[in-house]
């Protein structure tokens, strides 16, 4: 194997690693966005009704 083949192979491996790292970062960013949206949704969701004096309450929270 000559030096140019080795250098070409090394460059290819490096570019593949860079691509994989970029893809993992994009996936992590998307997961963070989804987590933030879910957190916002949980804050805006109606909370269960407090129990009344009878000890029973009705809630549509599910």
Protein backbone atom coordinates (compact mmCIF):
# COMPACT_ATOMS: atom_id res chain seq x y z
CA UNK A 1 0.00 0.00 0.00
CA UNK A 2 1.54 3.31 -0.98
CA UNK A 3 1.50 6.50 1.09
CA UNK A 4 -1.21 8.19 -0.97
CA UNK A 5 -3.59 5.25 -0.42
CA UNK A 6 -2.96 5.35 3.33
CA UNK A 7 -3.47 9.12 3.42
CA UNK A 8 -6.66 8.81 1.38
CA UNK A 9 -8.00 6.11 3.68
CA UNK A 10 -7.17 8.20 6.75
CA UNK A 11 -8.91 11.23 5.24
CA UNK A 12 -11.98 9.14 4.44
CA UNK A 13 -12.17 7.77 7.99
CA UNK A 14 -11.80 11.26 9.42
CA UNK A 15 -14.58 12.65 7.24
CA UNK A 16 -16.86 9.77 8.23
CA UNK A 17 -16.17 10.44 11.91
CA UNK A 18 -16.92 14.13 11.43
CA UNK A 19 -20.17 13.30 9.68
CA UNK A 20 -21.18 10.87 12.44
CA UNK A 21 -20.39 13.45 15.12
CA UNK A 22 -22.44 16.08 13.29
CA UNK A 23 -25.38 13.72 12.96
CA UNK A 24 -25.24 12.81 16.66
CA UNK A 25 -25.14 16.50 17.62
CA UNK A 26 -28.16 17.23 15.42
CA UNK A 27 -30.06 14.31 16.98
CA UNK A 28 -29.19 15.55 20.48
CA UNK A 29 -30.35 19.07 19.59
CA UNK A 30 -33.65 17.69 18.30
CA UNK A 31 -34.14 15.66 21.48
CA UNK A 32 -33.47 18.75 23.58
CA UNK A 33 -36.06 20.70 21.60
CA UNK A 34 -38.62 17.93 22.11
CA UNK A 35 -37.83 17.79 25.83
CA UNK A 36 -38.29 21.55 26.11
CA UNK A 37 -41.62 21.38 24.27
CA UNK A 38 -42.81 18.58 26.55
CA UNK A 39 -41.76 20.57 29.63
CA UNK A 40 -43.67 23.61 28.38
CA UNK A 41 -46.70 21.45 27.64
CA UNK A 42 -46.59 19.94 31.13
CA UNK A 43 -46.55 23.42 32.67
CA UNK A 44 -49.55 24.51 30.62
CA UNK A 45 -51.61 21.36 31.20
CA UNK A 46 -54.51 21.64 33.63
CA UNK A 47 -53.69 20.31 37.07
CA UNK A 48 -55.87 17.79 38.92
CA UNK A 49 -58.68 19.34 40.93
CA UNK A 50 -58.12 19.60 44.67
CA UNK A 51 -60.28 17.42 46.88
CA UNK A 52 -63.36 19.15 48.19
CA UNK A 53 -64.77 18.94 51.71
CA UNK A 54 -66.61 15.70 50.82
CA UNK A 55 -63.37 13.94 49.96
CA UNK A 56 -64.44 13.37 46.37
CA UNK A 57 -63.60 15.39 43.31
CA UNK A 58 -63.96 15.10 39.59
CA UNK A 59 -61.09 15.88 37.28
CA UNK A 60 -60.61 15.58 33.56
CA UNK A 61 -56.85 15.47 34.05
CA UNK A 62 -55.44 12.30 32.54
